[in-house]
Amino acid sequence: MRRPHPYRTALERRDPEALAAILAPDVEFHTPAFEKPIEGRDNVLALFAVLASVFEDPEITDELSGDGTHAIVFRLTVDGHPIEGVDHLRLDADGRVRRITVTMRPLESLRVLADRMAETHANLSESVP
């Protein structure tokens, strides 16, 4: 059996220090919930802290890997609405996560998530110089 990627391990353990260690300093986080990506390790970590309080019953169901790329398949709920998704990771030459692109479904559940995150995004945007 293949060892889980450190990103997966950090998520499952809800370990912000381990997550920070695997993210590149200039990581970009792309999600359908926001128009623009969240940029920079500190901003992505702040977003993950909020997501941890919004997501209910997160479960990683699969993990896929390729050359310089990785995918974490998950399911969770937000306000009782089920979501299935994939975190597609692009890795840098040192194996750190350089880009995270999230894909989620179904649309109605994604709308619930986007509504919950709208205020958070505004707060993150205001804190970025």
C-alpha atoms as a PDB file:
ATOM      1  CA  MET A   1       0.000   0.000   0.000  1.00  0.00           C
ATOM      2  CA  ARG A   2       1.278   3.451  -0.936  1.00  0.00           C
ATOM      3  CA  ARG A   3       1.896   6.004   1.835  1.00  0.00           C
ATOM      4  CA  PRO A   4      -0.665   8.816   1.922  1.00  0.00           C
ATOM      5  CA  HIS A   5       0.496  12.206   0.668  1.00  0.00           C
ATOM      6  CA  PRO A   6       1.467  14.597   3.528  1.00  0.00           C
ATOM      7  CA  TYR A   7      -1.335  16.962   2.427  1.00  0.00           C
ATOM      8  CA  ARG A   8      -3.891  14.193   3.029  1.00  0.00           C
ATOM      9  CA  THR A   9      -2.333  13.309   6.372  1.00  0.00           C
ATOM     10  CA  ALA A  10      -2.406  16.962   7.484  1.00  0.00           C
ATOM     11  CA  LEU A  11      -6.072  17.286   6.495  1.00  0.00           C
ATOM     12  CA  GLU A  12      -7.115  14.071   8.224  1.00  0.00           C
ATOM     13  CA  ARG A  13      -5.276  15.034  11.409  1.00  0.00           C
ATOM     14  CA  ARG A  14      -6.462  18.663  11.189  1.00  0.00           C
ATOM     15  CA  ASP A  15      -2.822  19.614  11.724  1.00  0.00           C
ATOM     16  CA  PRO A  16      -2.144  23.213  10.618  1.00  0.00           C
ATOM     17  CA  GLU A  17       1.627  22.908  11.207  1.00  0.00           C
ATOM     18  CA  ALA A  18       1.895  19.853   8.965  1.00  0.00           C
ATOM     19  CA  LEU A  19      -0.280  21.585   6.367  1.00  0.00           C
ATOM     20  CA  ALA A  20       1.934  24.688   6.478  1.00  0.00           C
ATOM     21  CA  ALA A  21       5.015  22.511   5.973  1.00  0.00           C
ATOM     22  CA  ILE A  22       3.669  20.918   2.775  1.00  0.00           C
ATOM     23  CA  LEU A  23       2.371  24.170   1.205  1.00  0.00           C
ATOM     24  CA  ALA A  24       4.715  26.280  -0.925  1.00  0.00           C
ATOM     25  CA  PRO A  25       4.991  29.889   0.336  1.00  0.00           C
ATOM     26  CA  ASP A  26       3.306  31.170  -2.849  1.00  0.00           C
ATOM     27  CA  VAL A  27       0.596  28.480  -3.004  1.00  0.00           C
ATOM     28  CA  GLU A  28      -2.602  29.317  -4.895  1.00  0.00           C
ATOM     29  CA  PHE A  29      -6.000  27.952  -3.875  1.00  0.00           C
ATOM     30  CA  HIS A  30      -8.637  27.890  -6.630  1.00  0.00           C
ATOM     31  CA  THR A  31     -12.216  27.063  -5.674  1.00  0.00           C
ATOM     32  CA  PRO A  32     -15.587  27.457  -7.394  1.00  0.00           C
ATOM     33  CA  ALA A  33     -16.783  29.258  -4.246  1.00  0.00           C
ATOM     34  CA  PHE A  34     -14.615  32.338  -5.023  1.00  0.00           C
ATOM     35  CA  GLU A  35     -14.037  34.252  -8.225  1.00  0.00           C
ATOM     36  CA  LYS A  36     -10.319  34.849  -7.580  1.00  0.00           C
ATOM     37  CA  PRO A  37      -7.807  32.433  -6.088  1.00  0.00           C
ATOM     38  CA  ILE A  38      -6.592  32.724  -2.515  1.00  0.00           C
ATOM     39  CA  GLU A  39      -2.837  33.336  -2.737  1.00  0.00           C
ATOM     40  CA  GLY A  40      -0.047  32.747  -0.245  1.00  0.00           C
ATOM     41  CA  ARG A  41       0.473  30.164   2.476  1.00  0.00           C
ATOM     42  CA  ASP A  42      -0.836  32.339   5.334  1.00  0.00           C
ATOM     43  CA  ASN A  43      -4.064  33.182   3.476  1.00  0.00           C
ATOM     44  CA  VAL A  44      -4.645  29.567   2.462  1.00  0.00           C
ATOM     45  CA  LEU A  45      -4.060  28.407   6.040  1.00  0.00           C
ATOM     46  CA  ALA A  46      -6.533  31.045   7.299  1.00  0.00           C
ATOM     47  CA  LEU A  47      -9.095  29.796   4.786  1.00  0.00           C
ATOM     48  CA  PHE A  48      -8.548  26.172   5.825  1.00  0.00           C
ATOM     49  CA  ALA A  49      -9.087  27.143   9.477  1.00  0.00           C
ATOM     50  CA  VAL A  50     -12.482  28.588   8.563  1.00  0.00           C
ATOM     51  CA  LEU A  51     -13.368  25.636   6.331  1.00  0.00           C
ATOM     52  CA  ALA A  52     -12.633  23.291   9.230  1.00  0.00           C
ATOM     53  CA  SER A  53     -15.405  25.027  11.175  1.00  0.00           C
ATOM     54  CA  VAL A  54     -17.853  24.945   8.216  1.00  0.00           C
ATOM     55  CA  PHE A  55     -17.317  21.405   6.950  1.00  0.00           C
ATOM     56  CA  GLU A  56     -19.242  18.640   8.685  1.00  0.00           C
ATOM     57  CA  ASP A  57     -18.218  14.966   8.657  1.00  0.00           C
ATOM     58  CA  PRO A  58     -15.285  15.283   6.210  1.00  0.00           C
ATOM     59  CA  GLU A  59     -14.070  11.980   4.804  1.00  0.00           C
ATOM     60  CA  ILE A  60     -11.292  11.321   2.310  1.00  0.00           C
ATOM     61  CA  THR A  61     -12.432   8.507   0.023  1.00  0.00           C
ATOM     62  CA  ASP A  62      -9.597   8.176  -2.487  1.00  0.00           C
ATOM     63  CA  GLU A  63      -6.170   9.431  -3.445  1.00  0.00           C
ATOM     64  CA  LEU A  64      -4.606   9.512  -6.900  1.00  0.00           C
ATOM     65  CA  SER A  65      -1.070  10.444  -7.920  1.00  0.00           C
ATOM     66  CA  GLY A  66       0.895  11.213 -11.045  1.00  0.00           C
ATOM     67  CA  ASP A  67       4.071  12.972 -12.068  1.00  0.00           C
ATOM     68  CA  GLY A  68       4.028  16.314 -10.212  1.00  0.00           C
ATOM     69  CA  THR A  69       0.320  16.034  -9.478  1.00  0.00           C
ATOM     70  CA  HIS A  70      -1.908  14.536  -6.826  1.00  0.00           C
ATOM     71  CA  ALA A  71      -5.653  14.343  -6.182  1.00  0.00           C
ATOM     72  CA  ILE A  72      -7.530  13.915  -2.919  1.00  0.00           C
ATOM     73  CA  VAL A  73     -11.155  12.805  -3.298  1.00  0.00           C
ATOM     74  CA  PHE A  74     -13.487  13.702  -0.437  1.00  0.00           C
ATOM     75  CA  ARG A  75     -17.045  14.024   0.749  1.00  0.00           C
ATOM     76  CA  LEU A  76     -18.536  16.159   3.499  1.00  0.00           C
ATOM     77  CA  THR A  77     -21.617  18.173   4.367  1.00  0.00           C
ATOM     78  CA  VAL A  78     -22.263  21.890   4.878  1.00  0.00           C
ATOM     79  CA  ASP A  79     -25.382  22.756   6.840  1.00  0.00           C
ATOM     80  CA  GLY A  80     -26.584  19.214   6.144  1.00  0.00           C
ATOM     81  CA  HIS A  81     -26.043  19.506   2.354  1.00  0.00           C
ATOM     82  CA  PRO A  82     -23.822  16.738   0.929  1.00  0.00           C
ATOM     83  CA  ILE A  83     -20.778  17.675  -1.149  1.00  0.00           C
ATOM     84  CA  GLU A  84     -18.401  15.474  -3.113  1.00  0.00           C
ATOM     85  CA  GLY A  85     -15.150  16.959  -4.304  1.00  0.00           C
ATOM     86  CA  VAL A  86     -11.568  16.669  -5.431  1.00  0.00           C
ATOM     87  CA  ASP A  87      -8.528  18.679  -4.387  1.00  0.00           C
ATOM     88  CA  HIS A  88      -6.227  18.594  -7.418  1.00  0.00           C
ATOM     89  CA  LEU A  89      -2.698  19.385  -6.271  1.00  0.00           C
ATOM     90  CA  ARG A  90       0.168  20.641  -8.433  1.00  0.00           C
ATOM     91  CA  LEU A  91       3.523  20.076  -6.773  1.00  0.00           C
ATOM     92  CA  ASP A  92       6.733  22.079  -7.112  1.00  0.00           C
ATOM     93  CA  ALA A  93      10.187  20.552  -7.663  1.00  0.00           C
ATOM     94  CA  ASP A  94      10.566  20.072  -3.883  1.00  0.00           C
ATOM     95  CA  GLY A  95       7.251  18.191  -3.628  1.00  0.00           C
ATOM     96  CA  ARG A  96       5.409  21.037  -1.880  1.00  0.00           C
ATOM     97  CA  VAL A  97       1.881  21.951  -2.942  1.00  0.00           C
ATOM     98  CA  ARG A  98       2.103  24.892  -5.353  1.00  0.00           C
ATOM     99  CA  ARG A  99      -1.519  24.985  -6.522  1.00  0.00           C
ATOM    100  CA  ILE A 100      -4.776  23.515  -5.217  1.00  0.00           C
ATOM    101  CA  THR A 101      -7.762  23.408  -7.552  1.00  0.00           C
ATOM    102  CA  VAL A 102     -10.988  22.275  -5.937  1.00  0.00           C
ATOM    103  CA  THR A 103     -13.873  20.782  -7.866  1.00  0.00           C
ATOM    104  CA  MET A 104     -17.159  20.118  -6.039  1.00  0.00           C
ATOM    105  CA  ARG A 105     -20.683  18.929  -6.687  1.00  0.00           C
ATOM    106  CA  PRO A 106     -23.697  19.156  -6.574  1.00  0.00           C
ATOM    107  CA  LEU A 107     -24.373  22.762  -7.494  1.00  0.00           C
ATOM    108  CA  GLU A 108     -27.038  23.390  -4.831  1.00  0.00           C
ATOM    109  CA  SER A 109     -24.682  22.282  -2.048  1.00  0.00           C
ATOM    110  CA  LEU A 110     -21.909  24.395  -3.534  1.00  0.00           C
ATOM    111  CA  ARG A 111     -24.225  27.419  -3.364  1.00  0.00           C
ATOM    112  CA  VAL A 112     -24.744  26.779   0.348  1.00  0.00           C
ATOM    113  CA  LEU A 113     -20.965  26.616   0.830  1.00  0.00           C
ATOM    114  CA  ALA A 114     -20.402  29.770  -1.231  1.00  0.00           C
ATOM    115  CA  ASP A 115     -22.963  31.652   0.851  1.00  0.00           C
ATOM    116  CA  ARG A 116     -21.264  30.523   4.068  1.00  0.00           C
ATOM    117  CA  MET A 117     -17.852  31.536   2.736  1.00  0.00           C
ATOM    118  CA  ALA A 118     -18.779  34.931   1.219  1.00  0.00           C
ATOM    119  CA  GLU A 119     -18.147  36.828   4.442  1.00  0.00           C
ATOM    120  CA  THR A 120     -14.925  34.915   5.093  1.00  0.00           C
ATOM    121  CA  HIS A 121     -13.604  35.777   1.647  1.00  0.00           C
ATOM    122  CA  ALA A 122     -14.333  39.458   2.245  1.00  0.00           C
ATOM    123  CA  ASN A 123     -12.439  39.288   5.541  1.00  0.00           C
ATOM    124  CA  LEU A 124      -9.491  37.529   3.888  1.00  0.00           C
ATOM    125  CA  SER A 125      -9.430  40.044   1.031  1.00  0.00           C
ATOM    126  CA  GLU A 126      -9.424  42.967   3.477  1.00  0.00           C
ATOM    127  CA  SER A 127      -6.485  41.507   5.400  1.00  0.00           C
ATOM    128  CA  VAL A 128      -4.283  41.056   2.319  1.00  0.00           C
ATOM    129  CA  PRO A 129      -2.188  44.168   1.574  1.00  0.00           C
END
